Amino acid sequence: MNHFTVLGGGGFIGSNLVRHLAPRAARVDAPRRDEPLKPGNLGHVIYCIGLTADFRERPVATMQAHVAKAAEILRTARFESFLYLSSTRVYGGAKSTAETSPVEVDPTAPDQLYNISKLAGEALCLALPNPRVRVARLSNVFGSGMGGKSGATGSFLASVLHDAVEKRFVEFHTSLASAKDYISVADVVRALERIALEGEERLYNVASGRNVTHKEIAEALRRVCGTTVVARPGAPTTAYPEIATGRIAALFEGAKPKWAPADLIENLPALITGNRSTSVAGAA
């Protein structure tokens, strides 16, 4: 059996990954933030360290998390493989989402710091000649606990579900025609394990391959819990291109089950129930 080291194991993705790997690996280490790494070979390292919601307020910390810390580990550690978690957000405005396609960024736009920092981390990994240093670009990940202990922070979807449960009112800041790709954390952790152990490509998109519109989410929230959902007047439309998933699907050829990601809309009732439970626990 294999040895894994999950860096950022206290976060949403990292903690789910640790739980997924625990019964499947001989050893899973998840050192706390700033805890010295254990000496010796770290096994298969999965780098989940990162900032998302607050990157605008913490630009230096964002660069440290996405680039500097990864560089330190790549320079000093011994490992069987190293998998760096990036984001499909880097495809914003792109004409193609194939892993081989170039992406463009604007360093003068503060909102692009997240993309630029992730691409810098990717570039560092891919510049190394070691073929077992790889990158996984994750789509928008959903699952129970994605909003943190309070349920009020985290991703766009976590905030929407929090407002749907707590306020019974959701206002989108982008139009109902806006769309994103969403993937369940259960599918993500399966993919990360397989990439770490069997991946032959240096870069993988980990996504469902289909977009869900804000309108679909709004209709599901009205149907499931009677939430009032509106879009802010004049809200812009933000739509990402559909993410190419050929590489990750090919990696699961012959696997049981194959790559068939869960559908967000079908899972919304369970997510709402989980968010209610989180809210009650947070108030206790």
Protein backbone atom coordinates (compact mmCIF):
# COMPACT_ATOMS: atom_id res chain seq x y z
CA MET A 1 0.00 0.00 0.00
CA ASN A 2 1.03 3.61 -0.58
CA HIS A 3 2.14 6.48 1.60
CA PHE A 4 0.45 9.87 1.07
CA THR A 5 1.22 13.31 2.48
CA VAL A 6 -1.68 15.76 2.18
CA LEU A 7 -0.61 19.38 2.60
CA GLY A 8 -3.54 21.60 3.48
CA GLY A 9 -5.35 18.67 5.04
CA GLY A 10 -7.41 20.93 7.30
CA GLY A 11 -9.26 22.55 4.41
CA PHE A 12 -12.41 21.41 2.64
CA ILE A 13 -10.74 19.43 -0.13
CA GLY A 14 -7.77 18.32 1.97
CA SER A 15 -9.88 16.95 4.81
CA ASN A 16 -12.11 15.03 2.41
CA LEU A 17 -9.01 13.68 0.71
CA VAL A 18 -7.55 12.46 4.01
CA ARG A 19 -10.80 10.65 4.83
CA HIS A 20 -10.88 9.08 1.37
CA LEU A 21 -7.27 7.89 1.51
CA ALA A 22 -7.20 6.64 5.11
CA PRO A 23 -8.67 3.16 4.42
CA ARG A 24 -6.85 2.84 1.09
CA ALA A 25 -3.27 3.72 2.02
CA ALA A 26 -0.68 2.27 4.35
CA ARG A 27 -0.05 5.73 5.76
CA VAL A 28 -1.58 9.19 5.37
CA ASP A 29 0.16 12.20 6.89
CA ALA A 30 -1.58 15.55 7.08
CA PRO A 31 0.77 17.98 8.86
CA ARG A 32 -0.77 21.09 10.36
CA ARG A 33 0.04 24.51 8.97
CA ASP A 34 3.67 25.48 9.69
CA GLU A 35 4.36 22.06 11.24
CA PRO A 36 7.75 20.75 10.08
CA LEU A 37 7.52 17.94 7.56
CA LYS A 38 8.66 14.54 8.73
CA PRO A 39 12.13 13.53 7.56
CA GLY A 40 12.50 10.98 4.82
CA ASN A 41 10.41 10.27 1.75
CA LEU A 42 6.95 11.90 1.88
CA GLY A 43 5.45 9.38 -0.52
CA HIS A 44 2.77 10.80 -2.81
CA VAL A 45 2.39 14.49 -1.94
CA ILE A 46 -0.89 16.24 -2.76
CA TYR A 47 -0.60 20.01 -2.37
CA CYS A 48 -3.99 21.38 -1.27
CA ILE A 49 -2.68 24.59 0.32
CA GLY A 50 -4.38 27.69 -1.03
CA LEU A 51 -6.55 30.76 -0.57
CA THR A 52 -9.78 31.34 -2.47
CA ALA A 53 -12.41 33.66 -1.03
CA ASP A 54 -10.05 36.21 0.54
CA PHE A 55 -7.25 36.37 -2.04
CA ARG A 56 -8.08 40.02 -2.84
CA GLU A 57 -7.51 41.08 0.76
CA ARG A 58 -4.41 38.90 1.21
CA PRO A 59 -2.34 39.14 -1.99
CA VAL A 60 1.04 38.39 -0.36
CA ALA A 61 -0.35 35.41 1.55
CA THR A 62 -1.91 34.18 -1.69
CA MET A 63 1.44 34.18 -3.45
CA GLN A 64 3.11 32.53 -0.47
CA ALA A 65 0.50 29.76 -0.40
CA HIS A 66 0.29 29.15 -4.14
CA VAL A 67 3.94 29.60 -5.08
CA ALA A 68 6.49 30.09 -2.30
CA LYS A 69 5.48 27.18 -0.08
CA ALA A 70 5.21 24.83 -3.05
CA ALA A 71 8.66 25.95 -4.24
CA GLU A 72 10.16 25.24 -0.82
CA ILE A 73 8.78 21.71 -0.73
CA LEU A 74 9.77 20.94 -4.31
CA ARG A 75 13.30 22.16 -3.53
CA THR A 76 13.85 20.36 -0.25
CA ALA A 77 11.60 17.30 0.01
CA ARG A 78 11.86 13.76 -1.28
CA PHE A 79 8.71 12.18 -2.65
CA GLU A 80 7.29 9.54 -4.98
CA SER A 81 5.04 12.05 -6.73
CA PHE A 82 3.86 15.63 -6.24
CA LEU A 83 0.38 16.80 -7.28
CA TYR A 84 -0.32 20.55 -7.22
CA LEU A 85 -3.95 21.65 -7.04
CA SER A 86 -4.80 24.52 -9.36
CA SER A 87 -8.12 25.77 -10.70
CA THR A 88 -10.15 25.83 -13.92
CA ARG A 89 -10.71 29.50 -13.15
CA VAL A 90 -7.60 30.10 -15.23
CA TYR A 91 -9.78 29.39 -18.31
CA GLY A 92 -11.88 32.53 -17.79
CA GLY A 93 -12.27 34.09 -21.25
CA ALA A 94 -10.34 31.28 -22.94
CA LYS A 95 -11.37 29.93 -26.33
CA SER A 96 -10.28 26.41 -25.47
CA THR A 97 -10.11 24.52 -22.18
CA ALA A 98 -7.90 21.70 -23.41
CA GLU A 99 -4.93 21.23 -21.10
CA THR A 100 -2.60 21.90 -24.04
CA SER A 101 -4.13 25.32 -24.81
CA PRO A 102 -2.44 28.54 -23.67
CA VAL A 103 -4.21 30.79 -21.16
CA GLU A 104 -4.05 34.56 -20.91
CA VAL A 105 -3.93 36.81 -17.84
CA ASP A 106 -3.80 40.54 -17.17
CA PRO A 107 -1.39 41.41 -14.33
CA THR A 108 -2.90 44.91 -14.05
CA ALA A 109 -6.29 43.47 -12.99
CA PRO A 110 -6.42 42.84 -9.22
CA ASP A 111 -9.09 40.15 -9.67
CA GLN A 112 -6.62 38.09 -11.69
CA LEU A 113 -4.10 37.69 -8.87
CA TYR A 114 -5.63 34.31 -8.02
CA ASN A 115 -5.24 33.02 -11.58
CA ILE A 116 -1.74 34.42 -11.92
CA SER A 117 -0.58 32.88 -8.64
CA LYS A 118 -2.02 29.48 -9.56
CA LEU A 119 -0.42 29.64 -13.01
CA ALA A 120 2.91 30.55 -11.41
CA GLY A 121 2.63 27.45 -9.21
CA GLU A 122 1.74 25.38 -12.26
CA ALA A 123 4.65 26.78 -14.25
CA LEU A 124 7.07 25.90 -11.48
CA CYS A 125 5.81 22.31 -11.35
CA LEU A 126 5.75 21.81 -15.10
CA ALA A 127 9.20 23.35 -15.58
CA LEU A 128 10.74 20.60 -13.50
CA PRO A 129 11.95 17.60 -15.53
CA ASN A 130 10.41 15.11 -13.09
CA PRO A 131 7.36 13.58 -14.87
CA ARG A 132 5.84 12.66 -11.52
CA VAL A 133 5.34 16.30 -10.63
CA ARG A 134 1.85 17.04 -11.92
CA VAL A 135 -0.95 19.60 -11.82
CA ALA A 136 -4.70 19.13 -11.38
CA ARG A 137 -6.98 22.04 -12.32
CA LEU A 138 -10.11 21.65 -10.20
CA SER A 139 -13.50 23.01 -11.17
CA ASN A 140 -15.93 24.49 -8.61
CA VAL A 141 -16.07 21.83 -5.91
CA PHE A 142 -19.26 21.12 -3.98
CA GLY A 143 -20.04 18.89 -1.04
CA SER A 144 -21.13 18.85 2.57
CA GLY A 145 -19.04 21.21 4.69
CA MET A 146 -17.89 23.39 1.80
CA GLY A 147 -18.94 26.55 3.65
CA GLY A 148 -16.84 25.92 6.75
CA LYS A 149 -18.20 25.62 10.27
CA SER A 150 -20.61 28.53 9.94
CA GLY A 151 -21.62 27.80 6.38
CA ALA A 152 -21.39 31.53 5.68
CA THR A 153 -17.97 31.62 4.07
CA GLY A 154 -16.26 29.93 1.21
CA SER A 155 -17.29 29.55 -2.41
CA PHE A 156 -20.06 31.22 -4.38
CA LEU A 157 -22.22 28.12 -4.03
CA ALA A 158 -21.61 27.86 -0.28
CA SER A 159 -22.73 31.47 0.17
CA VAL A 160 -25.82 30.86 -1.97
CA LEU A 161 -26.84 27.80 0.06
CA HIS A 162 -26.23 29.64 3.32
CA ASP A 163 -28.53 32.48 2.26
CA ALA A 164 -31.10 30.03 0.90
CA VAL A 165 -31.29 28.25 4.27
CA GLU A 166 -30.79 31.14 6.69
CA LYS A 167 -32.56 33.99 4.89
CA ARG A 168 -34.79 32.22 2.37
CA PHE A 169 -33.60 34.89 -0.04
CA VAL A 170 -30.72 34.82 -2.51
CA GLU A 171 -29.54 37.68 -4.68
CA PHE A 172 -27.11 36.81 -7.47
CA HIS A 173 -24.57 39.49 -8.34
CA THR A 174 -24.31 38.01 -11.83
CA SER A 175 -27.16 37.25 -14.19
CA LEU A 176 -29.24 34.07 -14.29
CA ALA A 177 -27.55 33.25 -17.60
CA SER A 178 -24.17 32.98 -15.85
CA ALA A 179 -22.78 29.45 -15.76
CA LYS A 180 -20.01 27.39 -14.18
CA ASP A 181 -18.80 23.81 -14.05
CA TYR A 182 -19.36 22.10 -10.70
CA ILE A 183 -17.88 18.84 -9.45
CA SER A 184 -18.49 16.91 -6.23
CA VAL A 185 -15.71 16.56 -3.69
CA ALA A 186 -16.26 12.78 -3.76
CA ASP A 187 -15.35 12.74 -7.46
CA VAL A 188 -12.42 15.09 -6.85
CA VAL A 189 -10.75 12.89 -4.24
CA ARG A 190 -11.13 9.81 -6.45
CA ALA A 191 -9.50 11.70 -9.29
CA LEU A 192 -6.62 13.03 -7.19
CA GLU A 193 -5.75 9.59 -5.87
CA ARG A 194 -5.72 8.14 -9.38
CA ILE A 195 -3.68 10.99 -10.86
CA ALA A 196 -1.11 10.68 -8.05
CA LEU A 197 -0.71 6.93 -8.52
CA GLU A 198 -1.30 6.36 -12.23
CA GLY A 199 -1.33 9.67 -14.08
CA GLU A 200 0.82 9.77 -17.19
CA GLU A 201 0.05 13.36 -18.21
CA ARG A 202 1.57 16.36 -16.44
CA LEU A 203 -1.68 18.37 -16.35
CA TYR A 204 -5.30 17.29 -15.82
CA ASN A 205 -8.62 19.10 -15.71
CA VAL A 206 -10.78 17.67 -12.91
CA ALA A 207 -14.29 18.78 -13.81
CA SER A 208 -17.72 17.48 -14.74
CA GLY A 209 -17.48 18.77 -18.30
CA ARG A 210 -20.91 20.42 -18.22
CA ASN A 211 -21.97 23.88 -17.07
CA VAL A 212 -24.83 24.67 -14.71
CA THR A 213 -26.53 28.06 -15.04
CA HIS A 214 -27.57 30.30 -12.18
CA LYS A 215 -31.12 29.90 -13.52
CA GLU A 216 -30.96 26.14 -12.97
CA ILE A 217 -29.71 26.68 -9.42
CA ALA A 218 -32.42 29.27 -8.75
CA GLU A 219 -35.18 26.97 -9.99
CA ALA A 220 -33.86 24.11 -7.85
CA LEU A 221 -33.72 26.30 -4.73
CA ARG A 222 -37.29 27.49 -5.27
CA ARG A 223 -38.45 23.91 -5.79
CA VAL A 224 -36.57 22.33 -2.88
CA CYS A 225 -36.92 24.92 -0.13
CA GLY A 226 -39.12 27.73 -1.44
CA THR A 227 -36.29 30.25 -1.51
CA THR A 228 -36.81 33.55 -3.30
CA VAL A 229 -34.01 33.99 -5.82
CA VAL A 230 -33.34 37.14 -7.84
CA ALA A 231 -30.51 38.59 -9.87
CA ARG A 232 -29.31 42.09 -9.09
CA PRO A 233 -30.70 44.52 -11.74
CA GLY A 234 -28.17 45.02 -14.51
CA ALA A 235 -26.00 42.18 -13.22
CA PRO A 236 -23.36 41.09 -15.73
CA THR A 237 -23.23 37.62 -17.22
CA THR A 238 -20.20 35.54 -16.30
CA ALA A 239 -20.04 32.28 -18.19
CA TYR A 240 -17.03 29.99 -18.33
CA PRO A 241 -16.46 27.74 -21.33
CA GLU A 242 -17.24 24.06 -20.83
CA ILE A 243 -14.20 22.32 -19.40
CA ALA A 244 -12.51 19.59 -21.44
CA THR A 245 -12.44 16.31 -19.50
CA GLY A 246 -10.98 13.89 -22.04
CA ARG A 247 -7.77 13.31 -20.10
CA ILE A 248 -9.37 12.53 -16.76
CA ALA A 249 -11.99 10.32 -18.41
CA ALA A 250 -9.22 8.40 -20.21
CA LEU A 251 -7.41 7.89 -16.90
CA PHE A 252 -10.50 6.06 -15.60
CA GLU A 253 -10.85 3.79 -18.63
CA GLY A 254 -11.30 0.29 -17.30
CA ALA A 255 -11.89 1.52 -13.76
CA LYS A 256 -14.98 0.66 -11.75
CA PRO A 257 -16.76 2.97 -11.52
CA LYS A 258 -15.71 4.97 -14.59
CA TRP A 259 -15.52 8.75 -14.68
CA ALA A 260 -19.18 9.82 -14.35
CA PRO A 261 -19.25 12.92 -12.11
CA ALA A 262 -22.27 13.60 -9.89
CA ASP A 263 -24.79 16.21 -11.00
CA LEU A 264 -25.04 19.39 -8.91
CA ILE A 265 -28.78 19.91 -9.35
CA GLU A 266 -29.55 16.33 -8.33
CA ASN A 267 -27.41 16.82 -5.22
CA LEU A 268 -28.82 20.19 -4.14
CA PRO A 269 -31.43 18.70 -1.74
CA ALA A 270 -28.69 16.84 0.15
CA LEU A 271 -26.46 19.93 0.17
CA ILE A 272 -29.30 22.04 1.59
CA THR A 273 -29.96 19.46 4.29
CA GLY A 274 -26.25 19.40 5.14
CA ASN A 275 -26.14 23.19 5.24
CA ARG A 276 -29.10 23.25 7.66
CA SER A 277 -27.27 20.83 9.93
CA THR A 278 -24.11 22.94 9.81
CA SER A 279 -26.08 26.08 10.66
CA VAL A 280 -27.75 24.44 13.65
CA ALA A 281 -24.39 23.12 14.92
CA GLY A 282 -22.79 26.53 14.47
CA ALA A 283 -25.53 28.17 16.55
CA ALA A 284 -25.27 25.64 19.38
